C-alpha cells in the first residue's frame, strides 16, 4: 500500500508539474524541458553504469554522468540556440573517442578490462541519452507543447492502464515474457488500448496539428498510437532485461514508488524516436 501511495503521489503531483513546465515555459524552444531531459539522461546513465559495474563492465560515475548527458546537451544547444545539427554527431564522436583514448593510459591490470569498459562507455553514451534526444527535437514542431504532451500522454496512459488492468485482470495470465514475469496479457491489452485511444483522440480534438495528407487521419493516428505504444512496452521490457541480468529489482531509489530514474523513463526513451518519426512522416 505504501508503494501504491507513492506512485499516486508522483502521478498527481509530478505529472502536473511536468505539464506546467511544458505549457508555461516554452521559451527558447522549450529550453526548461530540454534541461530537464539532460538531467534525467545524466541520472539514468549513472544508474545504467552502476548496473554495468556489477558485471565488471564499469566506467567511472563521473564519466557516466557527463557522457550520458552529452547527446541531449548537444541537442539542446542545437534546438534552443540554433546551432548546426552536426553538433550532436560531433558530441557522440568526442565521447566515443574519450573512452577509446583514455584507456591507453590505464595501468596493466586495468588494460585487461579495457574492452569491457570501452564497450560500457559506448553504451552509456547511447542509453538513455540518445533516445531522449528525440524529445528535445520535438520542440521544433509547430505547436510543440501540444505535440509533446500528446506523446507523454500516449506513453503514460498506456503504462498506467497496463499496470491497473494487470492488477485487476492479470491473475492467471502472467509470465508471458520471461524478461518480466509479473507482466500479464491483460496488462498489455489494456495499455495498447489506452495508447490507441489517446492517439485517436488527438486526431479528433486537435485536427490542426494531427492532420495527415498522406493517409486518412484516423488511420495515421492508429498507426501513431500503435507504434508508440508498442515501443513504450518494449522499452519497459528492455530495461527489465537489464535489471534481471544483474539481479536487481529497481535501477535506483531516487523516485519514491517507482525506483530509479531508468524505471520511470524506460518506456519514454524507446517510444520517443518512434513517435517523432511517425509524427514527422504522417503529420508534419
Foldseek 3Di string as FASTA:
>chain_A
DQLVVLVVCCVVPVVVVVLCLLPVPCALLSLVVLVVLLQLQLQQQLLLQVLLVLVVLHDDSVLLNVLSSQQSVQLSCCRRVPDDPCSNVVSLVVQLVCLVVVLVPDDPVVVVSSVSNSVSSNVSNVPQNVLSSLLSVCSPAVVSSVLSVLLVQLLVQLQVQLVVQCVVPFPPAACPDVLDRSRGPRSLVRSLVRLLVSLLVCCVPPVVQQPFPVDHSSVLSNCLSNQLSVQLVVLQSVVSNSCVVSVDDASAQPRRSQGGSSSVCSSVSRSSVRNSVSSVVTGD
